[in-house]
Every structure is written in structure tokens, then in C-alpha cells.
Amino acid sequence: MRVTVTDTCQGCGQCEAAVPDVFRIHDDGFAVALVDTIPEPLEQDVRDAADQCPTEAIELTG
């Protein structure tokens, strides 16, 4: 599974709090994905973070 953060991100930080190994709030105040391909053990956590994103900025593929 692959993950990207779109430009609809408002930098609320929920994703970073949920999965800090995958998401980080960058210096510009918006979330970035630290990895392109999600390690299998973190896939469900990333799905949950995507479901909880208030701006639907987390896109999953694959």
C-alpha cells in the first residue's frame, strides 16, 4: 500500500499522532508522508488515520 498527503491538508496533526512512523507535520505546518510504501504492520493504522483525517487529505493506493 502506498500513501500520499494531498494539498487539502490543514496540518491538524491527527495523522502524526496516530502513526508517527509514517506521518510528520513539516516545517511549513502541513503533514507529509515519511515513506511512500507503508510497512505491512502499519497498514491498518494508516487506514484508520486516513479515515479520521478531517480534510480527507490522506490518499491510499494499492
N, C-alpha and C. Protein backbone atom coordinates (compact mmCIF):
# COMPACT_ATOMS: atom_id res chain seq x y z
N MET A 1 0.85 -1.17 0.00
CA MET A 1 0.00 0.00 0.00
C MET A 1 0.90 1.24 0.00
N ARG A 2 0.47 2.24 -0.77
CA ARG A 2 1.20 3.50 -0.85
C ARG A 2 0.34 4.62 -0.27
N VAL A 3 0.99 5.67 0.23
CA VAL A 3 0.28 6.78 0.85
C VAL A 3 0.85 8.10 0.35
N THR A 4 -0.06 9.06 0.17
CA THR A 4 0.33 10.43 -0.12
C THR A 4 -0.57 11.36 0.69
N VAL A 5 -0.06 12.55 0.95
CA VAL A 5 -0.86 13.58 1.62
C VAL A 5 -1.10 14.67 0.58
N THR A 6 -2.36 15.00 0.36
CA THR A 6 -2.72 15.98 -0.65
C THR A 6 -2.67 17.41 -0.10
N ASP A 7 -2.86 18.35 -1.00
CA ASP A 7 -2.81 19.76 -0.60
C ASP A 7 -4.05 20.23 0.15
N THR A 8 -4.98 19.32 0.42
CA THR A 8 -6.12 19.69 1.26
C THR A 8 -5.78 19.62 2.75
N CYS A 9 -4.57 19.16 3.06
CA CYS A 9 -4.12 19.06 4.45
C CYS A 9 -4.13 20.45 5.10
N GLN A 10 -4.64 20.49 6.33
CA GLN A 10 -4.64 21.73 7.10
C GLN A 10 -3.71 21.65 8.30
N GLY A 11 -2.96 20.57 8.41
CA GLY A 11 -1.95 20.46 9.45
C GLY A 11 -2.47 20.26 10.86
N CYS A 12 -3.59 19.56 11.00
CA CYS A 12 -4.16 19.36 12.33
C CYS A 12 -3.32 18.40 13.19
N GLY A 13 -2.56 17.52 12.55
CA GLY A 13 -1.65 16.65 13.28
C GLY A 13 -2.22 15.33 13.74
N GLN A 14 -3.47 15.03 13.43
CA GLN A 14 -4.05 13.76 13.87
C GLN A 14 -3.29 12.57 13.28
N CYS A 15 -2.87 12.69 12.05
CA CYS A 15 -2.16 11.57 11.42
C CYS A 15 -0.82 11.32 12.09
N GLU A 16 -0.11 12.39 12.39
CA GLU A 16 1.18 12.24 13.06
C GLU A 16 1.00 11.63 14.45
N ALA A 17 -0.02 12.05 15.16
CA ALA A 17 -0.29 11.49 16.48
C ALA A 17 -0.64 10.01 16.39
N ALA A 18 -1.35 9.62 15.33
CA ALA A 18 -1.78 8.23 15.18
C ALA A 18 -0.67 7.32 14.68
N VAL A 19 0.13 7.80 13.73
CA VAL A 19 1.17 6.95 13.12
C VAL A 19 2.44 7.78 12.89
N PRO A 20 3.17 8.09 13.95
CA PRO A 20 4.35 8.96 13.81
C PRO A 20 5.48 8.36 12.97
N ASP A 21 5.46 7.06 12.75
CA ASP A 21 6.47 6.45 11.88
C ASP A 21 6.18 6.70 10.41
N VAL A 22 4.98 7.18 10.10
CA VAL A 22 4.59 7.38 8.70
C VAL A 22 4.33 8.86 8.39
N PHE A 23 3.77 9.61 9.33
CA PHE A 23 3.40 11.00 9.07
C PHE A 23 4.15 11.95 9.99
N ARG A 24 4.41 13.14 9.46
CA ARG A 24 5.05 14.20 10.25
C ARG A 24 4.50 15.53 9.78
N ILE A 25 4.32 16.45 10.73
CA ILE A 25 3.97 17.81 10.36
C ILE A 25 5.29 18.50 9.99
N HIS A 26 5.36 18.93 8.76
CA HIS A 26 6.56 19.55 8.20
C HIS A 26 6.71 20.98 8.72
N ASP A 27 7.85 21.58 8.49
CA ASP A 27 8.12 22.95 8.92
C ASP A 27 7.11 23.95 8.37
N ASP A 28 6.49 23.62 7.23
CA ASP A 28 5.50 24.53 6.64
C ASP A 28 4.12 24.40 7.30
N GLY A 29 4.01 23.48 8.27
CA GLY A 29 2.77 23.34 9.01
C GLY A 29 1.80 22.31 8.47
N PHE A 30 2.19 21.61 7.40
CA PHE A 30 1.32 20.61 6.79
C PHE A 30 1.95 19.23 6.90
N ALA A 31 1.11 18.21 6.88
CA ALA A 31 1.59 16.84 7.03
C ALA A 31 2.28 16.36 5.76
N VAL A 32 3.26 15.51 5.96
CA VAL A 32 3.92 14.82 4.86
C VAL A 32 4.02 13.35 5.24
N ALA A 33 4.06 12.50 4.22
CA ALA A 33 4.30 11.08 4.45
C ALA A 33 5.80 10.86 4.44
N LEU A 34 6.31 10.21 5.46
CA LEU A 34 7.74 9.96 5.57
C LEU A 34 8.19 8.81 4.68
N VAL A 35 7.26 7.96 4.29
CA VAL A 35 7.56 6.82 3.42
C VAL A 35 6.50 6.77 2.33
N ASP A 36 6.86 6.22 1.18
CA ASP A 36 5.88 6.05 0.10
C ASP A 36 5.10 4.75 0.29
N THR A 37 5.84 3.69 0.60
CA THR A 37 5.23 2.38 0.76
C THR A 37 5.11 2.08 2.25
N ILE A 38 3.89 1.78 2.67
CA ILE A 38 3.62 1.54 4.09
C ILE A 38 4.06 0.14 4.48
N PRO A 39 4.85 0.00 5.55
CA PRO A 39 5.18 -1.34 6.04
C PRO A 39 3.89 -2.07 6.44
N GLU A 40 3.82 -3.33 6.11
CA GLU A 40 2.60 -4.11 6.34
C GLU A 40 2.06 -4.01 7.77
N PRO A 41 2.92 -4.04 8.80
CA PRO A 41 2.37 -3.96 10.17
C PRO A 41 1.66 -2.63 10.48
N LEU A 42 1.93 -1.59 9.69
CA LEU A 42 1.32 -0.28 9.94
C LEU A 42 0.13 0.03 9.03
N GLU A 43 -0.19 -0.88 8.12
CA GLU A 43 -1.25 -0.60 7.14
C GLU A 43 -2.58 -0.26 7.79
N GLN A 44 -3.02 -1.01 8.77
CA GLN A 44 -4.32 -0.73 9.39
C GLN A 44 -4.29 0.61 10.12
N ASP A 45 -3.19 0.93 10.78
CA ASP A 45 -3.08 2.22 11.47
C ASP A 45 -3.18 3.38 10.47
N VAL A 46 -2.55 3.21 9.30
CA VAL A 46 -2.61 4.25 8.27
C VAL A 46 -4.02 4.35 7.70
N ARG A 47 -4.68 3.23 7.49
CA ARG A 47 -6.09 3.27 7.04
C ARG A 47 -6.96 4.02 8.04
N ASP A 48 -6.75 3.74 9.32
CA ASP A 48 -7.51 4.43 10.37
C ASP A 48 -7.22 5.93 10.35
N ALA A 49 -5.96 6.30 10.19
CA ALA A 49 -5.59 7.72 10.12
C ALA A 49 -6.26 8.39 8.93
N ALA A 50 -6.30 7.71 7.79
CA ALA A 50 -6.95 8.25 6.60
C ALA A 50 -8.45 8.44 6.85
N ASP A 51 -9.07 7.48 7.50
CA ASP A 51 -10.50 7.57 7.80
C ASP A 51 -10.80 8.72 8.75
N GLN A 52 -9.87 9.04 9.64
CA GLN A 52 -10.08 10.07 10.66
C GLN A 52 -9.63 11.45 10.23
N CYS A 53 -8.96 11.56 9.08
CA CYS A 53 -8.47 12.86 8.62
C CYS A 53 -9.66 13.79 8.34
N PRO A 54 -9.73 14.94 9.01
CA PRO A 54 -10.89 15.81 8.83
C PRO A 54 -10.98 16.46 7.44
N THR A 55 -9.88 16.50 6.72
CA THR A 55 -9.91 17.11 5.38
C THR A 55 -9.74 16.07 4.26
N GLU A 56 -9.73 14.80 4.64
CA GLU A 56 -9.58 13.70 3.68
C GLU A 56 -8.33 13.89 2.82
N ALA A 57 -7.24 14.32 3.45
CA ALA A 57 -6.01 14.62 2.73
C ALA A 57 -5.11 13.41 2.54
N ILE A 58 -5.42 12.29 3.16
CA ILE A 58 -4.58 11.11 3.06
C ILE A 58 -5.15 10.19 2.00
N GLU A 59 -4.34 9.95 0.97
CA GLU A 59 -4.77 9.06 -0.12
C GLU A 59 -3.99 7.76 -0.08
N LEU A 60 -4.70 6.66 -0.17
CA LEU A 60 -4.10 5.33 -0.16
C LEU A 60 -4.31 4.68 -1.51
N THR A 61 -3.29 3.99 -1.99
CA THR A 61 -3.40 3.23 -3.23
C THR A 61 -2.72 1.88 -3.05
N GLY A 62 -3.20 0.93 -3.81
CA GLY A 62 -2.58 -0.40 -3.80
C GLY A 62 -3.01 -1.32 -2.75
